[in-house]
């Protein structure tokens, strides 16, 4: 004869095993998604970091003193190219650090000149090299000259 209690115990054990397996699969799925997002973020960071020298070159070209109207049209093209590149990178969370006139912040600014009296009330007087962020992470700090706040 069939022992009803044994069948119930076996069913309970099977249910517990199924719940455990389901929880393990859910954890696996979450881990895979977290890893996928992490890999995508690392790939975006590598691409953005690799584009910084190109942005620096475009910025340097835009400081050129124009000699004639034709050079102005070329610089307009350079400016448009730079703007398009920044817009594309911005979709990945990449942005220039706005520094001019901002309070000095050593987390995002690298001061290379300015008062050395230990003052805490400093502002960015000029930007020598633009800094960049990827989301909330500083990829490259801005190279700045600081001065006392007025």
N, C-alpha and C. Protein backbone atom coordinates (compact mmCIF):
# COMPACT_ATOMS: atom_id res chain seq x y z
N UNK A 1 0.83 -1.17 0.00
CA UNK A 1 0.00 0.00 0.00
C UNK A 1 0.88 1.25 0.00
N UNK A 2 0.40 2.34 -0.58
CA UNK A 2 1.13 3.59 -0.72
C UNK A 2 1.06 4.37 0.59
N UNK A 3 2.23 4.79 1.03
CA UNK A 3 2.31 5.57 2.26
C UNK A 3 2.12 7.05 1.93
N UNK A 4 0.98 7.60 2.28
CA UNK A 4 0.63 8.98 1.98
C UNK A 4 1.61 9.96 2.61
N UNK A 5 2.06 9.70 3.79
CA UNK A 5 3.01 10.58 4.49
C UNK A 5 4.34 10.63 3.74
N UNK A 6 4.82 9.52 3.23
CA UNK A 6 6.08 9.47 2.49
C UNK A 6 5.96 10.27 1.19
N UNK A 7 4.80 10.17 0.53
CA UNK A 7 4.58 10.92 -0.70
C UNK A 7 4.55 12.42 -0.42
N UNK A 8 3.92 12.82 0.66
CA UNK A 8 3.90 14.25 1.04
C UNK A 8 5.30 14.75 1.35
N UNK A 9 6.08 13.96 2.08
CA UNK A 9 7.47 14.35 2.39
C UNK A 9 8.29 14.50 1.12
N UNK A 10 8.11 13.56 0.20
CA UNK A 10 8.84 13.62 -1.07
C UNK A 10 8.41 14.85 -1.88
N UNK A 11 7.12 15.15 -1.89
CA UNK A 11 6.60 16.32 -2.61
C UNK A 11 7.15 17.60 -1.99
N UNK A 12 7.20 17.66 -0.67
CA UNK A 12 7.73 18.85 0.02
C UNK A 12 9.22 19.02 -0.30
N UNK A 13 9.97 17.92 -0.31
CA UNK A 13 11.39 17.98 -0.64
C UNK A 13 11.59 18.42 -2.08
N UNK A 14 10.77 17.92 -2.99
CA UNK A 14 10.85 18.32 -4.40
C UNK A 14 10.52 19.80 -4.56
N UNK A 15 9.50 20.27 -3.84
CA UNK A 15 9.11 21.69 -3.90
C UNK A 15 10.24 22.57 -3.39
N UNK A 16 10.85 22.16 -2.27
CA UNK A 16 11.96 22.93 -1.71
C UNK A 16 13.13 22.97 -2.68
N UNK A 17 13.43 21.85 -3.31
CA UNK A 17 14.52 21.79 -4.29
C UNK A 17 14.21 22.70 -5.48
N UNK A 18 12.96 22.70 -5.94
CA UNK A 18 12.55 23.54 -7.05
C UNK A 18 12.67 25.03 -6.68
N UNK A 19 12.25 25.40 -5.48
CA UNK A 19 12.37 26.79 -5.03
C UNK A 19 13.83 27.22 -4.93
N UNK A 20 14.68 26.33 -4.43
CA UNK A 20 16.10 26.62 -4.32
C UNK A 20 16.70 26.82 -5.72
N UNK A 21 16.36 25.93 -6.65
CA UNK A 21 16.84 26.02 -8.02
C UNK A 21 16.36 27.31 -8.68
N UNK A 22 15.11 27.66 -8.43
CA UNK A 22 14.55 28.89 -8.98
C UNK A 22 15.30 30.12 -8.44
N UNK A 23 15.58 30.12 -7.15
CA UNK A 23 16.32 31.24 -6.54
C UNK A 23 17.75 31.31 -7.10
N UNK A 24 18.39 30.16 -7.27
CA UNK A 24 19.74 30.14 -7.83
C UNK A 24 19.74 30.68 -9.26
N UNK A 25 18.72 30.29 -10.04
CA UNK A 25 18.63 30.77 -11.41
C UNK A 25 18.39 32.28 -11.43
N UNK A 26 17.54 32.78 -10.54
CA UNK A 26 17.28 34.21 -10.46
C UNK A 26 18.56 34.97 -10.12
N UNK A 27 19.33 34.45 -9.17
CA UNK A 27 20.61 35.08 -8.81
C UNK A 27 21.58 35.05 -9.99
N UNK A 28 21.61 33.94 -10.71
CA UNK A 28 22.47 33.81 -11.90
C UNK A 28 22.07 34.85 -12.95
N UNK A 29 20.77 34.97 -13.20
CA UNK A 29 20.29 35.94 -14.19
C UNK A 29 20.68 37.37 -13.80
N UNK A 30 20.53 37.71 -12.52
CA UNK A 30 20.91 39.04 -12.05
C UNK A 30 22.41 39.27 -12.19
N UNK A 31 23.22 38.24 -11.87
CA UNK A 31 24.67 38.36 -11.98
C UNK A 31 25.09 38.55 -13.44
N UNK A 32 24.48 37.80 -14.35
CA UNK A 32 24.79 37.93 -15.77
C UNK A 32 24.44 39.34 -16.27
N UNK A 33 23.30 39.85 -15.85
CA UNK A 33 22.90 41.21 -16.26
C UNK A 33 23.85 42.25 -15.69
N UNK A 34 24.25 42.09 -14.43
CA UNK A 34 25.20 43.02 -13.81
C UNK A 34 26.54 42.98 -14.54
N UNK A 35 27.01 41.77 -14.88
CA UNK A 35 28.26 41.62 -15.63
C UNK A 35 28.17 42.25 -17.01
N UNK A 36 27.02 42.08 -17.66
CA UNK A 36 26.82 42.65 -19.00
C UNK A 36 26.88 44.17 -18.94
N UNK A 37 26.21 44.75 -17.96
CA UNK A 37 26.24 46.21 -17.81
C UNK A 37 27.64 46.70 -17.47
N UNK A 38 28.34 45.96 -16.65
CA UNK A 38 29.71 46.32 -16.29
C UNK A 38 30.63 46.29 -17.51
N UNK A 39 30.50 45.25 -18.33
CA UNK A 39 31.32 45.15 -19.55
C UNK A 39 30.99 46.28 -20.52
N UNK A 40 29.72 46.62 -20.66
CA UNK A 40 29.33 47.72 -21.54
C UNK A 40 29.89 49.04 -21.04
N UNK A 41 29.87 49.23 -19.73
CA UNK A 41 30.40 50.45 -19.14
C UNK A 41 31.92 50.55 -19.35
N UNK A 42 32.61 49.43 -19.17
CA UNK A 42 34.06 49.42 -19.40
C UNK A 42 34.39 49.71 -20.86
N UNK A 43 33.61 49.16 -21.78
CA UNK A 43 33.85 49.40 -23.20
C UNK A 43 33.63 50.88 -23.52
N UNK A 44 32.57 51.46 -22.99
CA UNK A 44 32.30 52.89 -23.21
C UNK A 44 33.43 53.74 -22.63
N UNK A 45 33.93 53.37 -21.46
CA UNK A 45 35.03 54.12 -20.84
C UNK A 45 36.28 54.06 -21.70
N UNK A 46 36.59 52.89 -22.24
CA UNK A 46 37.78 52.76 -23.09
C UNK A 46 37.66 53.62 -24.34
N UNK A 47 36.50 53.61 -24.94
CA UNK A 47 36.29 54.41 -26.16
C UNK A 47 36.38 55.90 -25.83
N UNK A 48 35.73 56.31 -24.76
CA UNK A 48 35.75 57.73 -24.38
C UNK A 48 37.17 58.18 -24.04
N UNK A 49 37.89 57.38 -23.29
CA UNK A 49 39.27 57.73 -22.95
C UNK A 49 40.14 57.82 -24.19
N UNK A 50 39.92 56.94 -25.15
CA UNK A 50 40.70 56.96 -26.38
C UNK A 50 40.40 58.19 -27.23
N UNK A 51 39.23 58.79 -27.07
CA UNK A 51 38.86 59.96 -27.86
C UNK A 51 39.38 61.27 -27.29
N UNK A 52 39.87 61.27 -26.06
CA UNK A 52 40.33 62.51 -25.43
C UNK A 52 41.46 63.17 -26.22
N UNK A 53 42.49 62.45 -26.69
CA UNK A 53 43.52 63.13 -27.50
C UNK A 53 42.95 63.76 -28.78
N UNK A 54 41.95 63.14 -29.37
CA UNK A 54 41.31 63.71 -30.56
C UNK A 54 40.61 65.01 -30.19
N UNK A 55 39.90 65.02 -29.07
CA UNK A 55 39.25 66.25 -28.61
C UNK A 55 40.28 67.33 -28.32
N UNK A 56 41.41 66.95 -27.71
CA UNK A 56 42.47 67.93 -27.45
C UNK A 56 43.00 68.53 -28.75
N UNK A 57 43.16 67.70 -29.77
CA UNK A 57 43.64 68.20 -31.07
C UNK A 57 42.63 69.15 -31.70
N UNK A 58 41.36 68.80 -31.62
CA UNK A 58 40.33 69.68 -32.17
C UNK A 58 40.27 71.00 -31.39
N UNK A 59 40.40 70.94 -30.07
CA UNK A 59 40.43 72.16 -29.26
C UNK A 59 41.63 73.03 -29.63
N UNK A 60 42.79 72.40 -29.84
CA UNK A 60 43.98 73.16 -30.22
C UNK A 60 43.78 73.82 -31.58
N UNK A 61 43.16 73.12 -32.51
CA UNK A 61 42.91 73.69 -33.84
C UNK A 61 42.00 74.91 -33.74
N UNK A 62 41.06 74.89 -32.82
CA UNK A 62 40.12 76.00 -32.69
C UNK A 62 40.75 77.25 -32.09
N UNK A 63 41.94 77.15 -31.55
CA UNK A 63 42.63 78.34 -31.02
C UNK A 63 43.48 79.03 -32.08
N UNK A 64 43.50 78.49 -33.28
CA UNK A 64 44.32 79.03 -34.38
C UNK A 64 43.84 80.43 -34.75
N UNK A 65 44.78 81.35 -34.95
CA UNK A 65 44.46 82.71 -35.40
C UNK A 65 44.24 82.70 -36.90
N UNK A 66 43.06 83.12 -37.31
CA UNK A 66 42.68 83.09 -38.72
C UNK A 66 43.50 84.08 -39.55
N UNK A 67 43.90 83.63 -40.72
CA UNK A 67 44.63 84.48 -41.65
C UNK A 67 43.73 84.97 -42.78
N UNK A 68 42.72 84.18 -43.15
CA UNK A 68 41.79 84.59 -44.22
C UNK A 68 40.44 83.90 -44.02
N UNK A 69 39.50 84.24 -44.87
CA UNK A 69 38.13 83.74 -44.76
C UNK A 69 38.05 82.23 -44.97
N UNK A 70 38.88 81.69 -45.84
CA UNK A 70 38.88 80.25 -46.10
C UNK A 70 39.24 79.46 -44.86
N UNK A 71 40.18 79.98 -44.09
CA UNK A 71 40.55 79.30 -42.84
C UNK A 71 39.39 79.32 -41.85
N UNK A 72 38.58 80.39 -41.91
CA UNK A 72 37.41 80.48 -41.03
C UNK A 72 36.42 79.38 -41.34
N UNK A 73 36.22 79.07 -42.62
CA UNK A 73 35.30 78.00 -43.00
C UNK A 73 35.85 76.64 -42.55
N UNK A 74 37.16 76.48 -42.65
CA UNK A 74 37.77 75.22 -42.19
C UNK A 74 37.57 75.07 -40.68
N UNK A 75 37.80 76.16 -39.95
CA UNK A 75 37.62 76.10 -38.49
C UNK A 75 36.16 75.86 -38.12
N UNK A 76 35.23 76.38 -38.92
CA UNK A 76 33.82 76.09 -38.67
C UNK A 76 33.55 74.59 -38.81
N UNK A 77 34.18 73.97 -39.79
CA UNK A 77 34.05 72.52 -39.97
C UNK A 77 34.66 71.76 -38.81
N UNK A 78 35.81 72.23 -38.32
CA UNK A 78 36.45 71.60 -37.17
C UNK A 78 35.55 71.72 -35.95
N UNK A 79 34.96 72.91 -35.75
CA UNK A 79 34.07 73.13 -34.61
C UNK A 79 32.84 72.21 -34.70
N UNK A 80 32.28 72.09 -35.89
CA UNK A 80 31.12 71.21 -36.08
C UNK A 80 31.48 69.76 -35.80
N UNK A 81 32.65 69.33 -36.28
CA UNK A 81 33.11 67.97 -36.03
C UNK A 81 33.29 67.73 -34.54
N UNK A 82 33.90 68.68 -33.85
CA UNK A 82 34.11 68.56 -32.40
C UNK A 82 32.76 68.47 -31.68
N UNK A 83 31.81 69.32 -32.06
CA UNK A 83 30.49 69.32 -31.43
C UNK A 83 29.77 67.98 -31.66
N UNK A 84 29.88 67.44 -32.87
CA UNK A 84 29.25 66.15 -33.17
C UNK A 84 29.88 65.03 -32.35
N UNK A 85 31.20 65.06 -32.24
CA UNK A 85 31.90 64.04 -31.45
C UNK A 85 31.48 64.12 -29.99
N UNK A 86 31.43 65.32 -29.42
CA UNK A 86 31.00 65.48 -28.03
C UNK A 86 29.55 65.04 -27.84
N UNK A 87 28.68 65.33 -28.81
CA UNK A 87 27.28 64.92 -28.69
C UNK A 87 27.17 63.39 -28.71
N UNK A 88 27.96 62.74 -29.55
CA UNK A 88 27.94 61.28 -29.60
C UNK A 88 28.44 60.69 -28.29
N UNK A 89 29.53 61.22 -27.77
CA UNK A 89 30.08 60.73 -26.51
C UNK A 89 29.16 61.04 -25.33
N UNK A 90 28.43 62.15 -25.41
CA UNK A 90 27.51 62.52 -24.33
C UNK A 90 26.40 61.48 -24.18
N UNK A 91 26.01 60.83 -25.26
CA UNK A 91 25.00 59.79 -25.17
C UNK A 91 25.48 58.60 -24.34
N UNK A 92 26.79 58.47 -24.19
CA UNK A 92 27.37 57.41 -23.35
C UNK A 92 27.65 57.90 -21.93
N UNK A 93 27.31 59.18 -21.64
CA UNK A 93 27.53 59.72 -20.31
C UNK A 93 28.83 60.50 -20.17
N UNK A 94 29.49 60.81 -21.29
CA UNK A 94 30.77 61.51 -21.30
C UNK A 94 30.52 63.01 -21.43
N UNK A 95 31.12 63.81 -20.52
CA UNK A 95 30.92 65.26 -20.54
C UNK A 95 32.19 65.97 -20.12
N UNK A 96 32.37 67.16 -20.68
CA UNK A 96 33.47 68.03 -20.26
C UNK A 96 33.15 68.56 -18.87
N UNK A 97 34.18 68.75 -18.08
CA UNK A 97 34.02 69.35 -16.75
C UNK A 97 34.05 70.86 -16.93
N UNK A 98 32.97 71.51 -16.56
CA UNK A 98 32.90 72.97 -16.65
C UNK A 98 33.69 73.55 -15.49
N UNK A 99 34.77 74.25 -15.80
CA UNK A 99 35.67 74.68 -14.74
C UNK A 99 35.85 76.20 -14.65
N UNK A 100 35.79 76.89 -15.76
CA UNK A 100 36.08 78.33 -15.77
C UNK A 100 35.21 79.06 -14.76
N UNK A 101 35.85 79.73 -13.79
CA UNK A 101 35.14 80.51 -12.79
C UNK A 101 34.55 79.68 -11.65
N UNK A 102 34.68 78.37 -11.72
CA UNK A 102 34.12 77.50 -10.68
C UNK A 102 35.03 77.47 -9.45
N UNK A 103 34.48 77.17 -8.29
CA UNK A 103 35.34 76.99 -7.12
C UNK A 103 36.32 75.83 -7.37
N UNK A 104 37.54 76.00 -6.93
CA UNK A 104 38.55 74.96 -7.11
C UNK A 104 38.16 73.72 -6.32
N UNK A 105 38.18 72.58 -7.01
CA UNK A 105 37.85 71.29 -6.40
C UNK A 105 38.94 70.30 -6.80
N UNK A 106 39.80 69.89 -5.87
CA UNK A 106 40.89 68.98 -6.23
C UNK A 106 40.42 67.63 -6.76
N UNK A 107 39.15 67.29 -6.58
CA UNK A 107 38.64 66.03 -7.11
C UNK A 107 38.46 66.09 -8.63
N UNK A 108 38.28 67.31 -9.17
CA UNK A 108 38.07 67.45 -10.61
C UNK A 108 39.05 68.40 -11.27
N UNK A 109 39.86 69.10 -10.48
CA UNK A 109 40.81 70.06 -11.02
C UNK A 109 42.24 69.71 -10.61
N UNK A 110 43.14 69.92 -11.52
CA UNK A 110 44.57 69.76 -11.26
C UNK A 110 45.19 71.15 -11.40
N UNK A 111 45.45 71.82 -10.28
CA UNK A 111 45.99 73.18 -10.30
C UNK A 111 47.48 73.13 -10.61
N UNK A 112 47.89 73.85 -11.65
CA UNK A 112 49.30 73.87 -12.02
C UNK A 112 49.93 75.23 -11.76
N UNK A 113 49.12 76.22 -11.43
CA UNK A 113 49.64 77.55 -11.11
C UNK A 113 48.61 78.28 -10.26
N UNK A 114 49.11 79.21 -9.46
CA UNK A 114 48.23 80.01 -8.63
C UNK A 114 48.84 80.21 -7.27
N UNK A 115 48.11 80.84 -6.38
CA UNK A 115 48.62 81.11 -5.05
C UNK A 115 48.95 79.82 -4.29
N UNK A 116 50.02 79.88 -3.55
CA UNK A 116 50.44 78.70 -2.78
C UNK A 116 50.41 78.98 -1.29
N UNK A 117 49.53 79.90 -0.88
CA UNK A 117 49.47 80.27 0.53
C UNK A 117 48.55 79.37 1.35
N UNK A 118 48.03 78.32 0.73
CA UNK A 118 47.17 77.39 1.45
C UNK A 118 45.75 77.86 1.61
N UNK A 119 45.37 78.90 0.88
CA UNK A 119 44.02 79.43 0.97
C UNK A 119 42.99 78.39 0.52
N UNK A 120 41.84 78.37 1.19
CA UNK A 120 40.77 77.46 0.81
C UNK A 120 39.78 78.11 -0.14
N UNK A 121 39.84 79.42 -0.28
CA UNK A 121 38.87 80.16 -1.07
C UNK A 121 39.43 80.45 -2.46
N UNK A 122 39.59 79.39 -3.27
CA UNK A 122 40.18 79.53 -4.60
C UNK A 122 39.14 79.25 -5.68
N UNK A 123 39.31 79.93 -6.81
CA UNK A 123 38.46 79.69 -7.98
C UNK A 123 39.36 79.43 -9.17
N UNK A 124 38.80 78.81 -10.19
CA UNK A 124 39.53 78.53 -11.42
C UNK A 124 39.58 79.82 -12.23
N UNK A 125 40.80 80.33 -12.42
CA UNK A 125 40.99 81.57 -13.18
C UNK A 125 41.07 81.28 -14.68
N UNK A 126 41.70 80.18 -15.04
CA UNK A 126 41.76 79.79 -16.46
C UNK A 126 41.94 78.28 -16.57
N UNK A 127 41.48 77.75 -17.68
CA UNK A 127 41.56 76.31 -17.95
C UNK A 127 42.63 76.10 -19.01
N UNK A 128 43.65 75.32 -18.69
CA UNK A 128 44.71 75.02 -19.64
C UNK A 128 44.42 73.77 -20.46
N UNK A 129 43.70 72.84 -19.85
CA UNK A 129 43.33 71.60 -20.54
C UNK A 129 42.00 71.13 -19.96
N UNK A 130 41.05 70.88 -20.84
CA UNK A 130 39.71 70.47 -20.41
C UNK A 130 39.75 69.10 -19.75
N UNK A 131 39.00 68.97 -18.69
CA UNK A 131 38.84 67.68 -18.02
C UNK A 131 37.52 67.04 -18.46
N UNK A 132 37.42 65.74 -18.24
CA UNK A 132 36.23 65.01 -18.68
C UNK A 132 35.76 64.03 -17.62
N UNK A 133 34.44 63.79 -17.61
CA UNK A 133 33.79 62.81 -16.75
C UNK A 133 33.08 61.79 -17.62
N UNK A 134 32.98 60.60 -17.09
CA UNK A 134 32.11 59.59 -17.66
C UNK A 134 31.13 59.25 -16.55
N UNK A 135 29.90 59.69 -16.72
CA UNK A 135 28.88 59.64 -15.68
C UNK A 135 29.42 60.40 -14.46
N UNK A 136 29.60 59.76 -13.33
CA UNK A 136 30.08 60.46 -12.13
C UNK A 136 31.58 60.28 -11.91
N UNK A 137 32.25 59.56 -12.79
CA UNK A 137 33.67 59.26 -12.60
C UNK A 137 34.52 60.22 -13.42
N UNK A 138 35.52 60.83 -12.78
CA UNK A 138 36.44 61.72 -13.48
C UNK A 138 37.42 60.86 -14.28
N UNK A 139 37.42 61.07 -15.60
CA UNK A 139 38.36 60.34 -16.46
C UNK A 139 39.68 61.08 -16.51
N UNK A 140 39.57 62.41 -16.64
CA UNK A 140 40.77 63.25 -16.62
C UNK A 140 40.40 64.57 -15.97
N UNK A 141 41.14 64.96 -14.92
CA UNK A 141 40.83 66.24 -14.28
C UNK A 141 41.21 67.41 -15.20
N UNK A 142 40.56 68.54 -15.01
CA UNK A 142 40.91 69.75 -15.76
C UNK A 142 42.22 70.29 -15.23
N UNK A 143 43.11 70.70 -16.13
CA UNK A 143 44.35 71.35 -15.74
C UNK A 143 44.06 72.84 -15.70
N UNK A 144 44.21 73.43 -14.51
CA UNK A 144 43.74 74.81 -14.31
C UNK A 144 44.78 75.67 -13.60
N UNK A 145 44.55 76.98 -13.74
CA UNK A 145 45.25 78.00 -12.97
C UNK A 145 44.22 78.55 -11.99
N UNK A 146 44.59 78.64 -10.73
CA UNK A 146 43.66 79.10 -9.71
C UNK A 146 44.07 80.47 -9.19
N UNK A 147 43.10 81.15 -8.59
CA UNK A 147 43.35 82.46 -7.98
C UNK A 147 42.40 82.60 -6.80
N UNK A 148 42.63 83.59 -5.97
CA UNK A 148 41.76 83.85 -4.84
C UNK A 148 40.38 84.29 -5.33
N UNK A 149 39.35 83.85 -4.66
CA UNK A 149 37.99 84.27 -5.01
C UNK A 149 37.81 85.72 -4.61
N UNK A 150 37.07 86.44 -5.40
CA UNK A 150 36.85 87.87 -5.09
C UNK A 150 35.63 88.07 -4.27
